[in-house]
C-alpha cells in the first residue's frame, strides 16, 4: 500500500499522510501527491474568505484522497476516510497559523 502526502509550502495549505487506494500488487513504497491551496487572495477574517478556503480545501482533499464510491473494499473506504479527515484537519491547522489568522472551528 502506498501513502499520499498533501503538504504546505510558502503561501499554500497542506494536508496529511494517509493510506491511499492502491493495487494489491503495490509495495510499501511511498507515493507523494501534492495539492496546492492558494490563500494569498483570501481575507480569512471574513466569512466569505473562510467559505472560499473551505471549498478550496475540500477540492484539494478530493484530488489527493479520492472518494469512497464504487465497488471498493471496507479497508479502502476506511483508508479514504482517514486520509480525508487528516488532510482536512492538517490543512485547517496550517491555515490557522498563517500570518496570525485564526479560523472558526466547526
PDB file of N, CA and C in Angstrom:
ATOM      1  N   UNK A   1       0.846  -1.182   0.000  1.00  0.00           N
ATOM      2  CA  UNK A   1       0.000   0.000   0.000  1.00  0.00           C
ATOM      3  C   UNK A   1       0.886   1.238   0.000  1.00  0.00           C
ATOM      4  N   UNK A   2       0.472   2.249  -0.675  1.00  0.00           N
ATOM      5  CA  UNK A   2       1.244   3.487  -0.724  1.00  0.00           C
ATOM      6  C   UNK A   2       0.642   4.497   0.231  1.00  0.00           C
ATOM      7  N   UNK A   3       1.348   5.572   0.415  1.00  0.00           N
ATOM      8  CA  UNK A   3       0.818   6.673   1.222  1.00  0.00           C
ATOM      9  C   UNK A   3       0.762   7.899   0.343  1.00  0.00           C
ATOM     10  N   UNK A   4      -0.160   8.758   0.623  1.00  0.00           N
ATOM     11  CA  UNK A   4      -0.257  10.018  -0.103  1.00  0.00           C
ATOM     12  C   UNK A   4       0.042  11.131   0.873  1.00  0.00           C
ATOM     13  N   UNK A   5       0.731  12.120   0.396  1.00  0.00           N
ATOM     14  CA  UNK A   5       1.056  13.255   1.241  1.00  0.00           C
ATOM     15  C   UNK A   5       0.543  14.523   0.600  1.00  0.00           C
ATOM     16  N   UNK A   6      -0.059  15.339   1.394  1.00  0.00           N
ATOM     17  CA  UNK A   6      -0.625  16.615   0.972  1.00  0.00           C
ATOM     18  C   UNK A   6       0.030  17.626   1.900  1.00  0.00           C
ATOM     19  N   UNK A   7       0.875  18.526   1.403  1.00  0.00           N
ATOM     20  CA  UNK A   7       1.638  19.381   2.310  1.00  0.00           C
ATOM     21  C   UNK A   7       1.651  20.842   1.907  1.00  0.00           C
ATOM     22  N   UNK A   8       2.120  21.670   2.829  1.00  0.00           N
ATOM     23  CA  UNK A   8       2.135  23.120   2.615  1.00  0.00           C
ATOM     24  C   UNK A   8       3.521  23.612   2.266  1.00  0.00           C
ATOM     25  N   UNK A   9       3.561  24.695   1.516  1.00  0.00           N
ATOM     26  CA  UNK A   9       4.810  25.397   1.219  1.00  0.00           C
ATOM     27  C   UNK A   9       4.459  26.845   0.928  1.00  0.00           C
ATOM     28  N   UNK A  10       5.248  27.770   1.440  1.00  0.00           N
ATOM     29  CA  UNK A  10       5.065  29.208   1.228  1.00  0.00           C
ATOM     30  C   UNK A  10       3.634  29.625   1.504  1.00  0.00           C
ATOM     31  N   UNK A  11       2.926  30.114   0.486  1.00  0.00           N
ATOM     32  CA  UNK A  11       1.563  30.621   0.674  1.00  0.00           C
ATOM     33  C   UNK A  11       0.516  29.586   0.303  1.00  0.00           C
ATOM     34  N   UNK A  12       0.749  28.343   0.649  1.00  0.00           N
ATOM     35  CA  UNK A  12      -0.206  27.287   0.338  1.00  0.00           C
ATOM     36  C   UNK A  12      -0.558  26.535   1.604  1.00  0.00           C
ATOM     37  N   UNK A  13      -1.624  25.794   1.545  1.00  0.00           N
ATOM     38  CA  UNK A  13      -2.029  24.961   2.669  1.00  0.00           C
ATOM     39  C   UNK A  13      -1.622  23.530   2.418  1.00  0.00           C
ATOM     40  N   UNK A  14      -1.749  22.731   3.447  1.00  0.00           N
ATOM     41  CA  UNK A  14      -1.320  21.362   3.318  1.00  0.00           C
ATOM     42  C   UNK A  14      -2.292  20.402   3.935  1.00  0.00           C
ATOM     43  N   UNK A  15      -1.948  19.160   3.824  1.00  0.00           N
ATOM     44  CA  UNK A  15      -2.771  18.144   4.449  1.00  0.00           C
ATOM     45  C   UNK A  15      -1.921  17.056   5.037  1.00  0.00           C
ATOM     46  N   UNK A  16      -2.301  15.809   4.885  1.00  0.00           N
ATOM     47  CA  UNK A  16      -1.789  14.759   5.740  1.00  0.00           C
ATOM     48  C   UNK A  16      -1.219  13.572   5.002  1.00  0.00           C
ATOM     49  N   UNK A  17      -0.565  12.747   5.767  1.00  0.00           N
ATOM     50  CA  UNK A  17      -0.086  11.475   5.248  1.00  0.00           C
ATOM     51  C   UNK A  17      -1.143  10.449   5.608  1.00  0.00           C
ATOM     52  N   UNK A  18      -1.597   9.699   4.618  1.00  0.00           N
ATOM     53  CA  UNK A  18      -2.625   8.701   4.879  1.00  0.00           C
ATOM     54  C   UNK A  18      -2.585   7.633   3.809  1.00  0.00           C
ATOM     55  N   UNK A  19      -3.132   6.467   4.112  1.00  0.00           N
ATOM     56  CA  UNK A  19      -3.166   5.401   3.112  1.00  0.00           C
ATOM     57  C   UNK A  19      -4.006   5.805   1.916  1.00  0.00           C
ATOM     58  N   UNK A  20      -3.677   5.247   0.792  1.00  0.00           N
ATOM     59  CA  UNK A  20      -4.421   5.544  -0.425  1.00  0.00           C
ATOM     60  C   UNK A  20      -4.899   4.261  -1.060  1.00  0.00           C
ATOM     61  N   UNK A  21      -5.715   4.426  -2.073  1.00  0.00           N
ATOM     62  CA  UNK A  21      -6.134   3.272  -2.839  1.00  0.00           C
ATOM     63  C   UNK A  21      -4.981   2.850  -3.727  1.00  0.00           C
ATOM     64  N   UNK A  22      -4.604   1.612  -3.640  1.00  0.00           N
ATOM     65  CA  UNK A  22      -3.522   1.106  -4.461  1.00  0.00           C
ATOM     66  C   UNK A  22      -3.829  -0.328  -4.834  1.00  0.00           C
ATOM     67  N   UNK A  23      -3.226  -0.786  -5.901  1.00  0.00           N
ATOM     68  CA  UNK A  23      -3.471  -2.161  -6.329  1.00  0.00           C
ATOM     69  C   UNK A  23      -2.878  -3.121  -5.317  1.00  0.00           C
ATOM     70  N   UNK A  24      -3.362  -4.337  -5.313  1.00  0.00           N
ATOM     71  CA  UNK A  24      -2.904  -5.337  -4.357  1.00  0.00           C
ATOM     72  C   UNK A  24      -1.428  -5.660  -4.548  1.00  0.00           C
ATOM     73  N   UNK A  25      -0.899  -5.439  -5.728  1.00  0.00           N
ATOM     74  CA  UNK A  25       0.491  -5.767  -6.014  1.00  0.00           C
ATOM     75  C   UNK A  25       1.461  -4.655  -5.626  1.00  0.00           C
ATOM     76  N   UNK A  26       0.974  -3.586  -5.074  1.00  0.00           N
ATOM     77  CA  UNK A  26       1.823  -2.447  -4.731  1.00  0.00           C
ATOM     78  C   UNK A  26       2.726  -2.773  -3.556  1.00  0.00           C
ATOM     79  N   UNK A  27       3.958  -2.259  -3.596  1.00  0.00           N
ATOM     80  CA  UNK A  27       4.898  -2.466  -2.494  1.00  0.00           C
ATOM     81  C   UNK A  27       4.691  -1.397  -1.436  1.00  0.00           C
ATOM     82  N   UNK A  28       5.577  -1.365  -0.453  1.00  0.00           N
ATOM     83  CA  UNK A  28       5.482  -0.378   0.623  1.00  0.00           C
ATOM     84  C   UNK A  28       6.124   0.956   0.259  1.00  0.00           C
ATOM     85  N   UNK A  29       6.363   1.196  -1.017  1.00  0.00           N
ATOM     86  CA  UNK A  29       6.969   2.458  -1.450  1.00  0.00           C
ATOM     87  C   UNK A  29       6.045   3.618  -1.121  1.00  0.00           C
ATOM     88  N   UNK A  30       6.654   4.781  -0.897  1.00  0.00           N
ATOM     89  CA  UNK A  30       5.873   5.978  -0.600  1.00  0.00           C
ATOM     90  C   UNK A  30       5.596   6.734  -1.891  1.00  0.00           C
ATOM     91  N   UNK A  31       4.385   7.132  -2.070  1.00  0.00           N
ATOM     92  CA  UNK A  31       3.992   7.957  -3.208  1.00  0.00           C
ATOM     93  C   UNK A  31       3.574   9.304  -2.650  1.00  0.00           C
ATOM     94  N   UNK A  32       4.086  10.363  -3.224  1.00  0.00           N
ATOM     95  CA  UNK A  32       3.754  11.694  -2.739  1.00  0.00           C
ATOM     96  C   UNK A  32       2.869  12.401  -3.747  1.00  0.00           C
ATOM     97  N   UNK A  33       1.700  12.786  -3.320  1.00  0.00           N
ATOM     98  CA  UNK A  33       0.791  13.588  -4.131  1.00  0.00           C
ATOM     99  C   UNK A  33       0.623  14.927  -3.446  1.00  0.00           C
ATOM    100  N   UNK A  34       0.652  15.968  -4.229  1.00  0.00           N
ATOM    101  CA  UNK A  34       0.579  17.317  -3.683  1.00  0.00           C
ATOM    102  C   UNK A  34      -0.628  18.036  -4.257  1.00  0.00           C
ATOM    103  N   UNK A  35      -1.347  18.716  -3.408  1.00  0.00           N
ATOM    104  CA  UNK A  35      -2.431  19.598  -3.837  1.00  0.00           C
ATOM    105  C   UNK A  35      -2.165  20.956  -3.207  1.00  0.00           C
ATOM    106  N   UNK A  36      -2.077  21.959  -4.021  1.00  0.00           N
ATOM    107  CA  UNK A  36      -1.792  23.314  -3.550  1.00  0.00           C
ATOM    108  C   UNK A  36      -3.100  24.072  -3.395  1.00  0.00           C
ATOM    109  N   UNK A  37      -3.250  24.713  -2.251  1.00  0.00           N
ATOM    110  CA  UNK A  37      -4.422  25.547  -1.989  1.00  0.00           C
ATOM    111  C   UNK A  37      -3.906  26.961  -1.757  1.00  0.00           C
ATOM    112  N   UNK A  38      -4.144  27.832  -2.711  1.00  0.00           N
ATOM    113  CA  UNK A  38      -3.671  29.213  -2.602  1.00  0.00           C
ATOM    114  C   UNK A  38      -4.566  30.007  -1.645  1.00  0.00           C
ATOM    115  N   UNK A  39      -3.927  30.798  -0.805  1.00  0.00           N
ATOM    116  CA  UNK A  39      -4.665  31.596   0.177  1.00  0.00           C
ATOM    117  C   UNK A  39      -4.336  33.077   0.109  1.00  0.00           C
ATOM    118  N   UNK A  40      -3.344  33.446  -0.675  1.00  0.00           N
ATOM    119  CA  UNK A  40      -2.878  34.835  -0.660  1.00  0.00           C
ATOM    120  C   UNK A  40      -3.947  35.828  -1.102  1.00  0.00           C
ATOM    121  N   UNK A  41      -4.938  35.361  -1.850  1.00  0.00           N
ATOM    122  CA  UNK A  41      -6.002  36.252  -2.320  1.00  0.00           C
ATOM    123  C   UNK A  41      -7.206  36.282  -1.386  1.00  0.00           C
ATOM    124  N   UNK A  42      -7.134  35.563  -0.262  1.00  0.00           N
ATOM    125  CA  UNK A  42      -8.280  35.459   0.646  1.00  0.00           C
ATOM    126  C   UNK A  42      -8.090  36.321   1.887  1.00  0.00           C
ATOM    127  N   UNK A  43      -9.189  36.891   2.357  1.00  0.00           N
ATOM    128  CA  UNK A  43      -9.214  37.557   3.653  1.00  0.00           C
ATOM    129  C   UNK A  43      -9.861  36.564   4.610  1.00  0.00           C
ATOM    130  N   UNK A  44      -9.031  35.843   5.356  1.00  0.00           N
ATOM    131  CA  UNK A  44      -9.536  34.775   6.214  1.00  0.00           C
ATOM    132  C   UNK A  44     -10.229  35.282   7.471  1.00  0.00           C
ATOM    133  N   UNK A  45     -10.300  36.590   7.647  1.00  0.00           N
ATOM    134  CA  UNK A  45     -11.030  37.139   8.790  1.00  0.00           C
ATOM    135  C   UNK A  45     -12.501  37.364   8.454  1.00  0.00           C
ATOM    136  N   UNK A  46     -12.889  37.096   7.207  1.00  0.00           N
ATOM    137  CA  UNK A  46     -14.291  37.259   6.802  1.00  0.00           C
ATOM    138  C   UNK A  46     -14.939  35.902   6.569  1.00  0.00           C
ATOM    139  N   UNK A  47     -16.254  35.813   6.752  1.00  0.00           N
ATOM    140  CA  UNK A  47     -16.959  34.558   6.464  1.00  0.00           C
ATOM    141  C   UNK A  47     -16.795  34.127   5.001  1.00  0.00           C
ATOM    142  N   UNK A  48     -16.772  35.094   4.091  1.00  0.00           N
ATOM    143  CA  UNK A  48     -16.617  34.762   2.674  1.00  0.00           C
ATOM    144  C   UNK A  48     -15.241  34.155   2.404  1.00  0.00           C
ATOM    145  N   UNK A  49     -14.214  34.727   2.993  1.00  0.00           N
ATOM    146  CA  UNK A  49     -12.862  34.193   2.825  1.00  0.00           C
ATOM    147  C   UNK A  49     -12.736  32.796   3.397  1.00  0.00           C
ATOM    148  N   UNK A  50     -13.346  32.578   4.551  1.00  0.00           N
ATOM    149  CA  UNK A  50     -13.311  31.261   5.180  1.00  0.00           C
ATOM    150  C   UNK A  50     -14.084  30.237   4.357  1.00  0.00           C
ATOM    151  N   UNK A  51     -15.225  30.643   3.802  1.00  0.00           N
ATOM    152  CA  UNK A  51     -16.021  29.730   2.970  1.00  0.00           C
ATOM    153  C   UNK A  51     -15.248  29.341   1.711  1.00  0.00           C
ATOM    154  N   UNK A  52     -14.579  30.313   1.110  1.00  0.00           N
ATOM    155  CA  UNK A  52     -13.782  30.029  -0.082  1.00  0.00           C
ATOM    156  C   UNK A  52     -12.630  29.095   0.264  1.00  0.00           C
ATOM    157  N   UNK A  53     -11.976  29.343   1.391  1.00  0.00           N
ATOM    158  CA  UNK A  53     -10.897  28.465   1.833  1.00  0.00           C
ATOM    159  C   UNK A  53     -11.411  27.047   2.041  1.00  0.00           C
ATOM    160  N   UNK A  54     -12.545  26.904   2.725  1.00  0.00           N
ATOM    161  CA  UNK A  54     -13.110  25.575   2.964  1.00  0.00           C
ATOM    162  C   UNK A  54     -13.419  24.856   1.658  1.00  0.00           C
ATOM    163  N   UNK A  55     -13.945  25.577   0.675  1.00  0.00           N
ATOM    164  CA  UNK A  55     -14.242  24.968  -0.627  1.00  0.00           C
ATOM    165  C   UNK A  55     -12.955  24.537  -1.328  1.00  0.00           C
ATOM    166  N   UNK A  56     -11.927  25.357  -1.250  1.00  0.00           N
ATOM    167  CA  UNK A  56     -10.649  25.001  -1.871  1.00  0.00           C
ATOM    168  C   UNK A  56     -10.018  23.792  -1.196  1.00  0.00           C
ATOM    169  N   UNK A  57     -10.095  23.751   0.127  1.00  0.00           N
ATOM    170  CA  UNK A  57      -9.557  22.602   0.861  1.00  0.00           C
ATOM    171  C   UNK A  57     -10.321  21.339   0.480  1.00  0.00           C
ATOM    172  N   UNK A  58     -11.639  21.427   0.408  1.00  0.00           N
ATOM    173  CA  UNK A  58     -12.452  20.261   0.038  1.00  0.00           C
ATOM    174  C   UNK A  58     -12.053  19.734  -1.338  1.00  0.00           C
ATOM    175  N   UNK A  59     -11.837  20.626  -2.288  1.00  0.00           N
ATOM    176  CA  UNK A  59     -11.415  20.203  -3.619  1.00  0.00           C
ATOM    177  C   UNK A  59     -10.047  19.542  -3.600  1.00  0.00           C
ATOM    178  N   UNK A  60      -9.121  20.107  -2.831  1.00  0.00           N
ATOM    179  CA  UNK A  60      -7.782  19.531  -2.729  1.00  0.00           C
ATOM    180  C   UNK A  60      -7.820  18.162  -2.058  1.00  0.00           C
ATOM    181  N   UNK A  61      -8.636  18.029  -1.022  1.00  0.00           N
ATOM    182  CA  UNK A  61      -8.784  16.743  -0.338  1.00  0.00           C
ATOM    183  C   UNK A  61      -9.324  15.697  -1.310  1.00  0.00           C
ATOM    184  N   UNK A  62     -10.296  16.071  -2.128  1.00  0.00           N
ATOM    185  CA  UNK A  62     -10.833  15.138  -3.128  1.00  0.00           C
ATOM    186  C   UNK A  62      -9.760  14.702  -4.108  1.00  0.00           C
ATOM    187  N   UNK A  63      -8.933  15.633  -4.560  1.00  0.00           N
ATOM    188  CA  UNK A  63      -7.883  15.292  -5.522  1.00  0.00           C
ATOM    189  C   UNK A  63      -6.834  14.372  -4.909  1.00  0.00           C
ATOM    190  N   UNK A  64      -6.482  14.598  -3.661  1.00  0.00           N
ATOM    191  CA  UNK A  64      -5.428  13.820  -3.018  1.00  0.00           C
ATOM    192  C   UNK A  64      -5.934  12.475  -2.501  1.00  0.00           C
ATOM    193  N   UNK A  65      -7.078  12.481  -1.851  1.00  0.00           N
ATOM    194  CA  UNK A  65      -7.559  11.272  -1.177  1.00  0.00           C
ATOM    195  C   UNK A  65      -8.583  10.482  -1.976  1.00  0.00           C
ATOM    196  N   UNK A  66      -9.237  11.118  -2.916  1.00  0.00           N
ATOM    197  CA  UNK A  66     -10.295  10.438  -3.645  1.00  0.00           C
ATOM    198  C   UNK A  66     -11.576  10.410  -2.835  1.00  0.00           C
ATOM    199  N   UNK A  67     -12.523   9.639  -3.328  1.00  0.00           N
ATOM    200  CA  UNK A  67     -13.792   9.499  -2.618  1.00  0.00           C
ATOM    201  C   UNK A  67     -14.168   8.028  -2.564  1.00  0.00           C
ATOM    202  N   UNK A  68     -14.922   7.673  -1.564  1.00  0.00           N
ATOM    203  CA  UNK A  68     -15.301   6.278  -1.339  1.00  0.00           C
ATOM    204  C   UNK A  68     -16.560   5.941  -2.121  1.00  0.00           C
ATOM    205  N   UNK A  69     -16.420   5.826  -3.417  1.00  0.00           N
ATOM    206  CA  UNK A  69     -17.550   5.465  -4.267  1.00  0.00           C
ATOM    207  C   UNK A  69     -17.201   4.235  -5.082  1.00  0.00           C
ATOM    208  N   UNK A  70     -18.214   3.582  -5.562  1.00  0.00           N
ATOM    209  CA  UNK A  70     -17.990   2.409  -6.399  1.00  0.00           C
ATOM    210  C   UNK A  70     -17.719   1.162  -5.579  1.00  0.00           C
ATOM    211  N   UNK A  71     -17.268   0.133  -6.275  1.00  0.00           N
ATOM    212  CA  UNK A  71     -17.026  -1.173  -5.661  1.00  0.00           C
ATOM    213  C   UNK A  71     -15.616  -1.217  -5.077  1.00  0.00           C
ATOM    214  N   UNK A  72     -15.491  -0.795  -3.819  1.00  0.00           N
ATOM    215  CA  UNK A  72     -14.203  -0.853  -3.135  1.00  0.00           C
ATOM    216  C   UNK A  72     -14.392  -1.546  -1.793  1.00  0.00           C
ATOM    217  N   UNK A  73     -13.297  -2.049  -1.257  1.00  0.00           N
ATOM    218  CA  UNK A  73     -13.369  -2.799  -0.007  1.00  0.00           C
ATOM    219  C   UNK A  73     -13.590  -1.875   1.190  1.00  0.00           C
ATOM    220  N   UNK A  74     -13.943  -2.488   2.302  1.00  0.00           N
ATOM    221  CA  UNK A  74     -14.121  -1.745   3.548  1.00  0.00           C
ATOM    222  C   UNK A  74     -12.802  -1.096   3.962  1.00  0.00           C
ATOM    223  N   UNK A  75     -11.689  -1.817   3.772  1.00  0.00           N
ATOM    224  CA  UNK A  75     -10.380  -1.265   4.117  1.00  0.00           C
ATOM    225  C   UNK A  75     -10.064  -0.038   3.274  1.00  0.00           C
ATOM    226  N   UNK A  76     -10.394  -0.094   1.987  1.00  0.00           N
ATOM    227  CA  UNK A  76     -10.159   1.056   1.116  1.00  0.00           C
ATOM    228  C   UNK A  76     -11.036   2.239   1.520  1.00  0.00           C
ATOM    229  N   UNK A  77     -12.291   1.962   1.869  1.00  0.00           N
ATOM    230  CA  UNK A  77     -13.184   3.032   2.340  1.00  0.00           C
ATOM    231  C   UNK A  77     -12.630   3.677   3.611  1.00  0.00           C
ATOM    232  N   UNK A  78     -12.143   2.837   4.508  1.00  0.00           N
ATOM    233  CA  UNK A  78     -11.577   3.338   5.761  1.00  0.00           C
ATOM    234  C   UNK A  78     -10.331   4.178   5.481  1.00  0.00           C
ATOM    235  N   UNK A  79      -9.474   3.712   4.586  1.00  0.00           N
ATOM    236  CA  UNK A  79      -8.256   4.457   4.247  1.00  0.00           C
ATOM    237  C   UNK A  79      -8.600   5.821   3.656  1.00  0.00           C
ATOM    238  N   UNK A  80      -9.604   5.864   2.811  1.00  0.00           N
ATOM    239  CA  UNK A  80     -10.028   7.137   2.218  1.00  0.00           C
ATOM    240  C   UNK A  80     -10.574   8.065   3.293  1.00  0.00           C
ATOM    241  N   UNK A  81     -11.392   7.533   4.188  1.00  0.00           N
ATOM    242  CA  UNK A  81     -11.970   8.354   5.258  1.00  0.00           C
ATOM    243  C   UNK A  81     -10.878   8.924   6.160  1.00  0.00           C
ATOM    244  N   UNK A  82      -9.891   8.100   6.500  1.00  0.00           N
ATOM    245  CA  UNK A  82      -8.783   8.557   7.343  1.00  0.00           C
ATOM    246  C   UNK A  82      -7.979   9.627   6.615  1.00  0.00           C
ATOM    247  N   UNK A  83      -7.677   9.384   5.345  1.00  0.00           N
ATOM    248  CA  UNK A  83      -6.934  10.356   4.544  1.00  0.00           C
ATOM    249  C   UNK A  83      -7.669  11.685   4.501  1.00  0.00           C
ATOM    250  N   UNK A  84      -8.955  11.643   4.224  1.00  0.00           N
ATOM    251  CA  UNK A  84      -9.743  12.870   4.103  1.00  0.00           C
ATOM    252  C   UNK A  84      -9.772  13.642   5.425  1.00  0.00           C
ATOM    253  N   UNK A  85      -9.977  12.940   6.530  1.00  0.00           N
ATOM    254  CA  UNK A  85     -10.036  13.604   7.837  1.00  0.00           C
ATOM    255  C   UNK A  85      -8.691  14.232   8.195  1.00  0.00           C
ATOM    256  N   UNK A  86      -7.610  13.477   8.013  1.00  0.00           N
ATOM    257  CA  UNK A  86      -6.285  14.004   8.343  1.00  0.00           C
ATOM    258  C   UNK A  86      -5.922  15.171   7.435  1.00  0.00           C
ATOM    259  N   UNK A  87      -6.234  15.036   6.162  1.00  0.00           N
ATOM    260  CA  UNK A  87      -5.903  16.097   5.209  1.00  0.00           C
ATOM    261  C   UNK A  87      -6.625  17.389   5.569  1.00  0.00           C
ATOM    262  N   UNK A  88      -7.911  17.293   5.832  1.00  0.00           N
ATOM    263  CA  UNK A  88      -8.689  18.489   6.176  1.00  0.00           C
ATOM    264  C   UNK A  88      -8.205  19.107   7.487  1.00  0.00           C
ATOM    265  N   UNK A  89      -8.016  18.278   8.508  1.00  0.00           N
ATOM    266  CA  UNK A  89      -7.571  18.790   9.805  1.00  0.00           C
ATOM    267  C   UNK A  89      -6.204  19.454   9.711  1.00  0.00           C
ATOM    268  N   UNK A  90      -5.296  18.847   8.967  1.00  0.00           N
ATOM    269  CA  UNK A  90      -3.962  19.417   8.823  1.00  0.00           C
ATOM    270  C   UNK A  90      -4.014  20.722   8.048  1.00  0.00           C
ATOM    271  N   UNK A  91      -4.785  20.749   6.970  1.00  0.00           N
ATOM    272  CA  UNK A  91      -4.904  21.972   6.171  1.00  0.00           C
ATOM    273  C   UNK A  91      -5.471  23.114   7.005  1.00  0.00           C
ATOM    274  N   UNK A  92      -6.482  22.831   7.803  1.00  0.00           N
ATOM    275  CA  UNK A  92      -7.061  23.874   8.655  1.00  0.00           C
ATOM    276  C   UNK A  92      -6.076  24.331   9.725  1.00  0.00           C
ATOM    277  N   UNK A  93      -5.296  23.394  10.271  1.00  0.00           N
ATOM    278  CA  UNK A  93      -4.290  23.765  11.270  1.00  0.00           C
ATOM    279  C   UNK A  93      -3.238  24.682  10.654  1.00  0.00           C
ATOM    280  N   UNK A  94      -2.832  24.386   9.431  1.00  0.00           N
ATOM    281  CA  UNK A  94      -1.862  25.239   8.746  1.00  0.00           C
ATOM    282  C   UNK A  94      -2.480  26.608   8.494  1.00  0.00           C
ATOM    283  N   UNK A  95      -3.733  26.627   8.078  1.00  0.00           N
ATOM    284  CA  UNK A  95      -4.409  27.902   7.803  1.00  0.00           C
ATOM    285  C   UNK A  95      -4.466  28.762   9.056  1.00  0.00           C
ATOM    286  N   UNK A  96      -4.688  28.145  10.204  1.00  0.00           N
ATOM    287  CA  UNK A  96      -4.773  28.893  11.460  1.00  0.00           C
ATOM    288  C   UNK A  96      -3.456  29.580  11.798  1.00  0.00           C
ATOM    289  N   UNK A  97      -2.361  28.991  11.393  1.00  0.00           N
ATOM    290  CA  UNK A  97      -1.055  29.552  11.735  1.00  0.00           C
ATOM    291  C   UNK A  97      -0.550  30.559  10.709  1.00  0.00           C
ATOM    292  N   UNK A  98      -1.192  30.650   9.570  1.00  0.00           N
ATOM    293  CA  UNK A  98      -0.746  31.574   8.523  1.00  0.00           C
ATOM    294  C   UNK A  98      -0.954  33.013   8.970  1.00  0.00           C
ATOM    295  N   UNK A  99       0.101  33.758   9.084  1.00  0.00           N
ATOM    296  CA  UNK A  99       0.059  35.189   9.362  1.00  0.00           C
ATOM    297  C   UNK A  99      -0.841  35.555  10.540  1.00  0.00           C
ATOM    298  N   UNK A 100      -0.896  34.707  11.561  1.00  0.00           N
ATOM    299  CA  UNK A 100      -1.666  35.022  12.748  1.00  0.00           C
ATOM    300  C   UNK A 100      -3.165  34.918  12.587  1.00  0.00           C
ATOM    301  N   UNK A 101      -3.629  34.447  11.456  1.00  0.00           N
ATOM    302  CA  UNK A 101      -5.067  34.318  11.228  1.00  0.00           C
ATOM    303  C   UNK A 101      -5.584  33.093  11.982  1.00  0.00           C
ATOM    304  N   UNK A 102      -6.763  33.198  12.538  1.00  0.00           N
ATOM    305  CA  UNK A 102      -7.402  32.078  13.208  1.00  0.00           C
ATOM    306  C   UNK A 102      -8.750  31.850  12.554  1.00  0.00           C
ATOM    307  N   UNK A 103      -8.998  30.618  12.147  1.00  0.00           N
ATOM    308  CA  UNK A 103     -10.265  30.277  11.512  1.00  0.00           C
ATOM    309  C   UNK A 103     -11.250  29.762  12.546  1.00  0.00           C
ATOM    310  N   UNK A 104     -12.516  29.945  12.285  1.00  0.00           N
ATOM    311  CA  UNK A 104     -13.553  29.382  13.151  1.00  0.00           C
ATOM    312  C   UNK A 104     -13.541  27.873  13.000  1.00  0.00           C
ATOM    313  N   UNK A 105     -13.683  27.186  14.113  1.00  0.00           N
ATOM    314  CA  UNK A 105     -13.724  25.729  14.078  1.00  0.00           C
ATOM    315  C   UNK A 105     -15.158  25.259  14.090  1.00  0.00           C
ATOM    316  N   UNK A 106     -15.383  24.129  13.443  1.00  0.00           N
ATOM    317  CA  UNK A 106     -16.721  23.528  13.452  1.00  0.00           C
ATOM    318  C   UNK A 106     -16.673  22.206  14.127  1.00  0.00           C
TER     319      UNK A 106
END
